[in-house]
Amino acid sequence: MLTPTPARAVDGCKVLLCLAAPSWRSIPECVPTIRQLHRDLSRGKPFPTCGMAGAGNSANNAWASAPGYCPPQYTRVFDGESGPIYSCDYAGAVTVSINGAPFTRTWWNMGGDTVTEYTPAAKAQLGTWDTKFDDDYAAWFAALPPPAPVAESGY
């Protein structure tokens, strides 16, 4: 006879440590924790807290909203009857702050895909990090059409 296992809340302190790492996917202990976090957030559960995080150390989730709160490389634009319609490849972003300053922002979607944006301070402190966000931005920027030439007015 199978007995159901009780649901467990995600440990907010572990979430904070995993999201502040150079790549949570490369840490086996972080993978199930972060995947559970994304499932919980997508179901409307609140972001977990960490009572031991210390002053100035925190993390929170905000829902993505293109074009204002979605990185340009992940913003899609479609023609609508009344004008452009914007969408974002990601549903939300978890921002981690260390010592009161932003450290990382992990963009996530309902399918469990994530990409992490590292601040210059995080990059300097970590030394190495997952460069997917930066690589995606560089590819997006390189694919932009060249600016239109400025026409001479003749005056």
N, C-alpha and C. Protein backbone atom coordinates (compact mmCIF):
# COMPACT_ATOMS: atom_id res chain seq x y z
N MET A 1 0.84 -1.17 0.00
CA MET A 1 0.00 0.00 0.00
C MET A 1 0.90 1.24 0.00
N LEU A 2 0.61 2.16 -0.89
CA LEU A 2 1.37 3.40 -0.97
C LEU A 2 0.75 4.44 -0.06
N THR A 3 1.59 5.08 0.70
CA THR A 3 1.11 6.18 1.53
C THR A 3 1.65 7.48 0.96
N PRO A 4 0.82 8.48 0.88
CA PRO A 4 1.29 9.75 0.32
C PRO A 4 2.35 10.38 1.22
N THR A 5 3.31 11.00 0.58
CA THR A 5 4.33 11.71 1.36
C THR A 5 3.84 13.13 1.59
N PRO A 6 4.12 13.66 2.76
CA PRO A 6 3.63 15.01 3.04
C PRO A 6 4.36 16.04 2.18
N ALA A 7 3.62 17.08 1.80
CA ALA A 7 4.23 18.17 1.03
C ALA A 7 5.16 18.95 1.93
N ARG A 8 6.28 19.35 1.41
CA ARG A 8 7.24 20.12 2.20
C ARG A 8 7.44 21.47 1.56
N ALA A 9 7.57 22.46 2.40
CA ALA A 9 7.82 23.80 1.91
C ALA A 9 9.28 23.91 1.49
N VAL A 10 9.52 24.74 0.50
CA VAL A 10 10.88 24.98 0.04
C VAL A 10 11.61 25.79 1.11
N ASP A 11 12.84 25.41 1.40
CA ASP A 11 13.67 26.11 2.39
C ASP A 11 14.17 27.42 1.79
N GLY A 12 13.69 28.53 2.31
CA GLY A 12 14.05 29.85 1.79
C GLY A 12 15.54 30.14 1.87
N CYS A 13 16.21 29.63 2.90
CA CYS A 13 17.66 29.87 3.02
C CYS A 13 18.42 29.11 1.93
N LYS A 14 17.98 27.89 1.65
CA LYS A 14 18.63 27.11 0.59
C LYS A 14 18.38 27.76 -0.77
N VAL A 15 17.17 28.27 -0.98
CA VAL A 15 16.85 28.98 -2.23
C VAL A 15 17.78 30.17 -2.40
N LEU A 16 17.95 30.95 -1.35
CA LEU A 16 18.81 32.13 -1.41
C LEU A 16 20.25 31.75 -1.76
N LEU A 17 20.77 30.72 -1.12
CA LEU A 17 22.14 30.27 -1.41
C LEU A 17 22.27 29.74 -2.84
N CYS A 18 21.29 28.96 -3.28
CA CYS A 18 21.36 28.39 -4.62
C CYS A 18 21.29 29.47 -5.70
N LEU A 19 20.40 30.44 -5.52
CA LEU A 19 20.25 31.48 -6.53
C LEU A 19 21.43 32.46 -6.54
N ALA A 20 22.19 32.51 -5.47
CA ALA A 20 23.37 33.38 -5.43
C ALA A 20 24.62 32.66 -5.96
N ALA A 21 24.51 31.39 -6.29
CA ALA A 21 25.64 30.60 -6.78
C ALA A 21 25.93 30.93 -8.25
N PRO A 22 27.14 30.63 -8.71
CA PRO A 22 27.47 30.87 -10.12
C PRO A 22 26.54 30.13 -11.09
N SER A 23 26.06 28.95 -10.73
CA SER A 23 25.12 28.21 -11.55
C SER A 23 24.43 27.17 -10.68
N TRP A 24 23.17 27.42 -10.32
CA TRP A 24 22.46 26.49 -9.45
C TRP A 24 22.32 25.12 -10.08
N ARG A 25 22.28 25.04 -11.41
CA ARG A 25 22.15 23.75 -12.10
C ARG A 25 23.35 22.83 -11.88
N SER A 26 24.51 23.42 -11.59
CA SER A 26 25.72 22.60 -11.42
C SER A 26 25.87 22.09 -9.98
N ILE A 27 24.93 22.44 -9.11
CA ILE A 27 24.98 21.99 -7.71
C ILE A 27 23.82 21.01 -7.51
N PRO A 28 24.11 19.71 -7.43
CA PRO A 28 23.03 18.71 -7.36
C PRO A 28 21.99 18.98 -6.27
N GLU A 29 22.41 19.50 -5.12
CA GLU A 29 21.47 19.77 -4.03
C GLU A 29 20.52 20.92 -4.36
N CYS A 30 20.89 21.79 -5.29
CA CYS A 30 20.06 22.95 -5.63
C CYS A 30 18.99 22.64 -6.67
N VAL A 31 19.23 21.68 -7.53
CA VAL A 31 18.33 21.43 -8.65
C VAL A 31 16.90 21.15 -8.19
N PRO A 32 16.66 20.19 -7.29
CA PRO A 32 15.26 19.96 -6.89
C PRO A 32 14.67 21.15 -6.13
N THR A 33 15.47 21.84 -5.37
CA THR A 33 14.99 22.99 -4.60
C THR A 33 14.51 24.10 -5.53
N ILE A 34 15.30 24.44 -6.53
CA ILE A 34 14.93 25.53 -7.43
C ILE A 34 13.78 25.12 -8.34
N ARG A 35 13.76 23.87 -8.76
CA ARG A 35 12.63 23.41 -9.57
C ARG A 35 11.33 23.47 -8.77
N GLN A 36 11.39 23.09 -7.48
CA GLN A 36 10.20 23.17 -6.63
C GLN A 36 9.79 24.63 -6.43
N LEU A 37 10.77 25.52 -6.28
CA LEU A 37 10.47 26.94 -6.16
C LEU A 37 9.68 27.43 -7.37
N HIS A 38 10.13 27.07 -8.56
CA HIS A 38 9.44 27.52 -9.79
C HIS A 38 8.03 26.94 -9.87
N ARG A 39 7.87 25.68 -9.49
CA ARG A 39 6.52 25.09 -9.48
C ARG A 39 5.63 25.84 -8.50
N ASP A 40 6.18 26.12 -7.30
CA ASP A 40 5.39 26.82 -6.29
C ASP A 40 5.00 28.22 -6.76
N LEU A 41 5.95 28.96 -7.31
CA LEU A 41 5.66 30.31 -7.78
C LEU A 41 4.62 30.29 -8.90
N SER A 42 4.74 29.32 -9.81
CA SER A 42 3.79 29.26 -10.93
C SER A 42 2.38 28.91 -10.45
N ARG A 43 2.29 28.33 -9.26
CA ARG A 43 0.98 28.01 -8.70
C ARG A 43 0.49 29.09 -7.73
N GLY A 44 1.21 30.22 -7.70
CA GLY A 44 0.77 31.34 -6.88
C GLY A 44 1.21 31.31 -5.44
N LYS A 45 2.06 30.36 -5.07
CA LYS A 45 2.54 30.31 -3.69
C LYS A 45 3.53 31.46 -3.45
N PRO A 46 3.62 31.94 -2.22
CA PRO A 46 4.53 33.06 -1.95
C PRO A 46 5.99 32.62 -2.00
N PHE A 47 6.85 33.60 -2.21
CA PHE A 47 8.28 33.32 -2.21
C PHE A 47 8.69 32.96 -0.78
N PRO A 48 9.51 31.90 -0.61
CA PRO A 48 9.90 31.50 0.75
C PRO A 48 10.83 32.52 1.39
N THR A 49 10.80 32.56 2.70
CA THR A 49 11.67 33.48 3.42
C THR A 49 12.77 32.72 4.12
N CYS A 50 13.80 33.47 4.52
CA CYS A 50 14.92 32.88 5.24
C CYS A 50 15.20 33.76 6.45
N GLY A 51 14.90 33.26 7.62
CA GLY A 51 15.11 34.02 8.84
C GLY A 51 16.57 34.21 9.19
N MET A 52 17.45 33.40 8.63
CA MET A 52 18.87 33.50 8.95
C MET A 52 19.66 34.24 7.87
N ALA A 53 19.00 34.88 6.94
CA ALA A 53 19.69 35.51 5.82
C ALA A 53 20.57 36.67 6.25
N GLY A 54 20.23 37.33 7.33
CA GLY A 54 21.01 38.47 7.78
C GLY A 54 20.52 39.76 7.14
N ALA A 55 20.88 40.85 7.76
CA ALA A 55 20.44 42.15 7.28
C ALA A 55 20.95 42.41 5.87
N GLY A 56 20.05 42.84 5.00
CA GLY A 56 20.44 43.19 3.64
C GLY A 56 20.50 42.02 2.67
N ASN A 57 20.27 40.80 3.14
CA ASN A 57 20.30 39.62 2.27
C ASN A 57 18.87 39.13 2.10
N SER A 58 18.40 39.12 0.86
CA SER A 58 17.01 38.73 0.62
C SER A 58 16.84 38.27 -0.81
N ALA A 59 15.67 37.73 -1.08
CA ALA A 59 15.28 37.35 -2.44
C ALA A 59 13.78 37.53 -2.55
N ASN A 60 13.33 37.92 -3.74
CA ASN A 60 11.90 38.04 -3.96
C ASN A 60 11.59 37.82 -5.43
N ASN A 61 10.35 37.46 -5.67
CA ASN A 61 9.88 37.20 -7.03
C ASN A 61 9.03 38.36 -7.50
N ALA A 62 9.16 38.71 -8.78
CA ALA A 62 8.28 39.68 -9.43
C ALA A 62 7.87 39.08 -10.77
N TRP A 63 6.61 39.26 -11.13
CA TRP A 63 6.13 38.73 -12.40
C TRP A 63 6.66 39.58 -13.55
N ALA A 64 7.04 38.93 -14.63
CA ALA A 64 7.54 39.62 -15.81
C ALA A 64 6.39 40.36 -16.49
N SER A 65 6.72 41.46 -17.14
CA SER A 65 5.74 42.24 -17.88
C SER A 65 6.48 42.95 -19.01
N ALA A 66 6.32 42.44 -20.21
CA ALA A 66 7.02 43.03 -21.36
C ALA A 66 6.26 44.26 -21.83
N PRO A 67 6.92 45.29 -22.30
CA PRO A 67 8.36 45.39 -22.45
C PRO A 67 9.07 45.97 -21.24
N GLY A 68 8.34 46.47 -20.24
CA GLY A 68 8.96 47.17 -19.12
C GLY A 68 9.81 46.32 -18.20
N TYR A 69 9.37 45.10 -17.90
CA TYR A 69 10.11 44.25 -16.97
C TYR A 69 10.35 42.89 -17.61
N CYS A 70 11.16 42.92 -18.65
CA CYS A 70 11.58 41.71 -19.37
C CYS A 70 12.82 42.12 -20.17
N PRO A 71 13.90 41.35 -20.07
CA PRO A 71 15.08 41.71 -20.85
C PRO A 71 14.77 41.77 -22.34
N PRO A 72 15.39 42.69 -23.06
CA PRO A 72 15.05 42.86 -24.48
C PRO A 72 15.26 41.59 -25.31
N GLN A 73 16.27 40.80 -24.97
CA GLN A 73 16.53 39.59 -25.75
C GLN A 73 15.46 38.52 -25.56
N TYR A 74 14.61 38.67 -24.54
CA TYR A 74 13.54 37.72 -24.29
C TYR A 74 12.15 38.33 -24.48
N THR A 75 12.09 39.55 -25.01
CA THR A 75 10.83 40.22 -25.29
C THR A 75 10.44 39.95 -26.74
N ARG A 76 9.20 39.53 -26.92
CA ARG A 76 8.67 39.27 -28.26
C ARG A 76 7.60 40.33 -28.56
N VAL A 77 7.55 40.77 -29.82
CA VAL A 77 6.58 41.78 -30.24
C VAL A 77 5.77 41.22 -31.40
N PHE A 78 4.47 41.31 -31.27
CA PHE A 78 3.56 40.84 -32.31
C PHE A 78 2.68 42.01 -32.73
N ASP A 79 2.29 42.03 -34.01
CA ASP A 79 1.38 43.06 -34.49
C ASP A 79 -0.04 42.72 -34.07
N GLY A 80 -0.67 43.67 -33.38
CA GLY A 80 -2.06 43.51 -32.98
C GLY A 80 -2.92 44.53 -33.71
N GLU A 81 -4.22 44.36 -33.65
CA GLU A 81 -5.13 45.28 -34.33
C GLU A 81 -4.97 46.71 -33.83
N SER A 82 -4.70 46.87 -32.55
CA SER A 82 -4.59 48.21 -31.95
C SER A 82 -3.15 48.65 -31.73
N GLY A 83 -2.20 47.88 -32.25
CA GLY A 83 -0.79 48.22 -32.05
C GLY A 83 -0.01 47.00 -31.59
N PRO A 84 1.24 47.20 -31.19
CA PRO A 84 2.08 46.06 -30.84
C PRO A 84 1.60 45.36 -29.56
N ILE A 85 1.77 44.04 -29.56
CA ILE A 85 1.48 43.21 -28.39
C ILE A 85 2.81 42.62 -27.94
N TYR A 86 3.15 42.82 -26.68
CA TYR A 86 4.43 42.36 -26.14
C TYR A 86 4.22 41.12 -25.27
N SER A 87 5.19 40.22 -25.33
CA SER A 87 5.20 39.07 -24.42
C SER A 87 6.65 38.82 -24.01
N CYS A 88 6.81 38.08 -22.94
CA CYS A 88 8.13 37.77 -22.40
C CYS A 88 8.29 36.25 -22.38
N ASP A 89 9.48 35.77 -22.71
CA ASP A 89 9.76 34.33 -22.68
C ASP A 89 9.71 33.78 -21.25
N TYR A 90 9.78 34.66 -20.26
CA TYR A 90 9.81 34.23 -18.86
C TYR A 90 8.62 34.79 -18.11
N ALA A 91 8.14 34.02 -17.12
CA ALA A 91 6.96 34.41 -16.35
C ALA A 91 7.31 35.37 -15.22
N GLY A 92 8.51 35.22 -14.68
CA GLY A 92 8.89 36.05 -13.54
C GLY A 92 10.39 36.05 -13.35
N ALA A 93 10.80 36.82 -12.34
CA ALA A 93 12.23 36.92 -12.03
C ALA A 93 12.41 36.97 -10.52
N VAL A 94 13.37 36.20 -10.04
CA VAL A 94 13.73 36.20 -8.63
C VAL A 94 15.00 37.02 -8.49
N THR A 95 14.91 38.11 -7.75
CA THR A 95 16.06 38.98 -7.53
C THR A 95 16.65 38.67 -6.17
N VAL A 96 17.95 38.40 -6.14
CA VAL A 96 18.68 38.15 -4.89
C VAL A 96 19.51 39.39 -4.59
N SER A 97 19.37 39.87 -3.36
CA SER A 97 20.18 41.01 -2.90
C SER A 97 21.12 40.53 -1.80
N ILE A 98 22.36 40.95 -1.88
CA ILE A 98 23.38 40.63 -0.89
C ILE A 98 23.88 41.96 -0.33
N ASN A 99 23.91 42.06 0.98
CA ASN A 99 24.32 43.30 1.66
C ASN A 99 23.55 44.51 1.14
N GLY A 100 22.28 44.32 0.86
CA GLY A 100 21.41 45.42 0.45
C GLY A 100 21.50 45.82 -1.01
N ALA A 101 22.34 45.15 -1.79
CA ALA A 101 22.51 45.51 -3.21
C ALA A 101 22.11 44.32 -4.08
N PRO A 102 21.48 44.59 -5.25
CA PRO A 102 21.14 43.49 -6.16
C PRO A 102 22.39 42.68 -6.52
N PHE A 103 22.24 41.35 -6.56
CA PHE A 103 23.35 40.45 -6.85
C PHE A 103 23.07 39.65 -8.12
N THR A 104 21.91 38.98 -8.15
CA THR A 104 21.50 38.22 -9.34
C THR A 104 20.00 38.41 -9.56
N ARG A 105 19.58 38.16 -10.79
CA ARG A 105 18.16 38.10 -11.13
C ARG A 105 17.99 36.87 -12.01
N THR A 106 17.25 35.89 -11.50
CA THR A 106 17.01 34.65 -12.24
C THR A 106 15.62 34.70 -12.86
N TRP A 107 15.59 34.76 -14.19
CA TRP A 107 14.34 34.76 -14.94
C TRP A 107 13.89 33.31 -15.08
N TRP A 108 12.61 33.01 -14.85
CA TRP A 108 12.11 31.64 -14.89
C TRP A 108 10.79 31.59 -15.66
N ASN A 109 10.50 30.40 -16.22
CA ASN A 109 9.21 30.22 -16.88
C ASN A 109 8.50 29.00 -16.32
N MET A 110 7.26 28.82 -16.71
CA MET A 110 6.44 27.74 -16.16
C MET A 110 6.98 26.36 -16.50
N GLY A 111 7.75 26.24 -17.57
CA GLY A 111 8.33 24.96 -17.95
C GLY A 111 9.59 24.62 -17.17
N GLY A 112 10.05 25.52 -16.31
CA GLY A 112 11.24 25.24 -15.50
C GLY A 112 12.53 25.79 -16.08
N ASP A 113 12.46 26.44 -17.24
CA ASP A 113 13.66 27.02 -17.84
C ASP A 113 14.02 28.30 -17.10
N THR A 114 15.31 28.52 -16.91
CA THR A 114 15.77 29.74 -16.24
C THR A 114 17.00 30.29 -16.94
N VAL A 115 17.25 31.56 -16.70
CA VAL A 115 18.48 32.21 -17.12
C VAL A 115 18.79 33.24 -16.04
N THR A 116 20.06 33.36 -15.66
CA THR A 116 20.42 34.26 -14.57
C THR A 116 21.24 35.43 -15.08
N GLU A 117 20.80 36.60 -14.66
CA GLU A 117 21.47 37.87 -14.96
C GLU A 117 22.32 38.21 -13.72
N TYR A 118 23.62 38.36 -13.92
CA TYR A 118 24.53 38.67 -12.82
C TYR A 118 24.92 40.14 -12.88
N THR A 119 24.89 40.82 -11.73
CA THR A 119 25.31 42.21 -11.67
C THR A 119 26.84 42.27 -11.79
N PRO A 120 27.39 43.42 -12.13
CA PRO A 120 28.85 43.55 -12.16
C PRO A 120 29.49 43.17 -10.81
N ALA A 121 28.84 43.51 -9.71
CA ALA A 121 29.38 43.16 -8.39
C ALA A 121 29.41 41.64 -8.21
N ALA A 122 28.36 40.95 -8.66
CA ALA A 122 28.32 39.49 -8.55
C ALA A 122 29.42 38.87 -9.40
N LYS A 123 29.59 39.38 -10.61
CA LYS A 123 30.63 38.84 -11.50
C LYS A 123 32.02 39.03 -10.89
N ALA A 124 32.26 40.19 -10.30
CA ALA A 124 33.56 40.46 -9.68
C ALA A 124 33.80 39.53 -8.50
N GLN A 125 32.76 39.28 -7.72
CA GLN A 125 32.91 38.43 -6.55
C GLN A 125 33.01 36.95 -6.91
N LEU A 126 32.22 36.52 -7.89
CA LEU A 126 32.19 35.10 -8.24
C LEU A 126 33.39 34.68 -9.10
N GLY A 127 33.84 35.54 -9.98
CA GLY A 127 34.94 35.18 -10.88
C GLY A 127 34.48 34.40 -12.10
N THR A 128 33.65 33.38 -11.92
CA THR A 128 33.05 32.63 -13.03
C THR A 128 31.55 32.52 -12.77
N TRP A 129 30.76 32.47 -13.85
CA TRP A 129 29.31 32.39 -13.74
C TRP A 129 28.77 31.85 -15.04
N ASP A 130 27.50 31.48 -15.02
CA ASP A 130 26.81 31.00 -16.22
C ASP A 130 26.59 32.23 -17.12
N THR A 131 27.14 32.21 -18.32
CA THR A 131 27.11 33.38 -19.21
C THR A 131 25.93 33.39 -20.18
N LYS A 132 24.96 32.49 -20.03
CA LYS A 132 23.86 32.39 -20.98
C LYS A 132 23.13 33.73 -21.15
N PHE A 133 22.83 34.44 -20.08
CA PHE A 133 22.13 35.72 -20.19
C PHE A 133 22.93 36.69 -21.04
N ASP A 134 24.21 36.84 -20.76
CA ASP A 134 25.09 37.75 -21.51
C ASP A 134 25.23 37.30 -22.96
N ASP A 135 25.36 36.00 -23.17
CA ASP A 135 25.49 35.48 -24.54
C ASP A 135 24.22 35.73 -25.34
N ASP A 136 23.07 35.50 -24.72
CA ASP A 136 21.79 35.75 -25.40
C ASP A 136 21.64 37.23 -25.74
N TYR A 137 22.06 38.10 -24.83
CA TYR A 137 21.97 39.54 -25.09
C TYR A 137 22.88 39.92 -26.25
N ALA A 138 24.11 39.41 -26.26
CA ALA A 138 25.06 39.73 -27.33
C ALA A 138 24.51 39.28 -28.69
N ALA A 139 23.92 38.08 -28.74
CA ALA A 139 23.35 37.57 -29.99
C ALA A 139 22.17 38.43 -30.43
N TRP A 140 21.31 38.83 -29.49
CA TRP A 140 20.17 39.69 -29.80
C TRP A 140 20.66 41.03 -30.34
N PHE A 141 21.64 41.61 -29.69
CA PHE A 141 22.16 42.92 -30.08
C PHE A 141 22.81 42.85 -31.46
N ALA A 142 23.56 41.77 -31.72
CA ALA A 142 24.23 41.62 -33.02
C ALA A 142 23.22 41.45 -34.16
N ALA A 143 22.03 40.93 -33.85
CA ALA A 143 21.02 40.70 -34.87
C ALA A 143 20.15 41.92 -35.15
N LEU A 144 20.31 42.99 -34.38
CA LEU A 144 19.52 44.19 -34.62
C LEU A 144 19.88 44.78 -35.97
N PRO A 145 18.91 45.36 -36.66
CA PRO A 145 19.23 46.00 -37.95
C PRO A 145 20.10 47.24 -37.70
N PRO A 146 20.95 47.56 -38.67
CA PRO A 146 21.79 48.74 -38.48
C PRO A 146 20.93 50.00 -38.45
N PRO A 147 21.40 51.04 -37.75
CA PRO A 147 20.61 52.27 -37.70
C PRO A 147 20.50 52.90 -39.10
N ALA A 148 19.41 53.56 -39.33
CA ALA A 148 19.19 54.23 -40.62
C ALA A 148 20.18 55.38 -40.77
N PRO A 149 20.71 55.58 -41.98
CA PRO A 149 21.66 56.69 -42.18
C PRO A 149 20.93 58.03 -42.00
N VAL A 150 21.68 58.99 -41.51
CA VAL A 150 21.13 60.33 -41.32
C VAL A 150 21.21 61.05 -42.66
N ALA A 151 20.07 61.54 -43.10
CA ALA A 151 20.02 62.24 -44.41
C ALA A 151 20.55 63.67 -44.24
N GLU A 152 21.33 64.09 -45.19
CA GLU A 152 21.83 65.47 -45.21
C GLU A 152 20.69 66.39 -45.60
N SER A 153 20.53 67.49 -44.90
CA SER A 153 19.43 68.40 -45.18
C SER A 153 19.77 69.39 -46.30
N GLY A 154 21.04 69.56 -46.60
CA GLY A 154 21.44 70.46 -47.67
C GLY A 154 21.55 71.91 -47.24
N TYR A 155 21.34 72.17 -45.99
CA TYR A 155 21.44 73.58 -45.50
C TYR A 155 22.81 73.87 -44.97
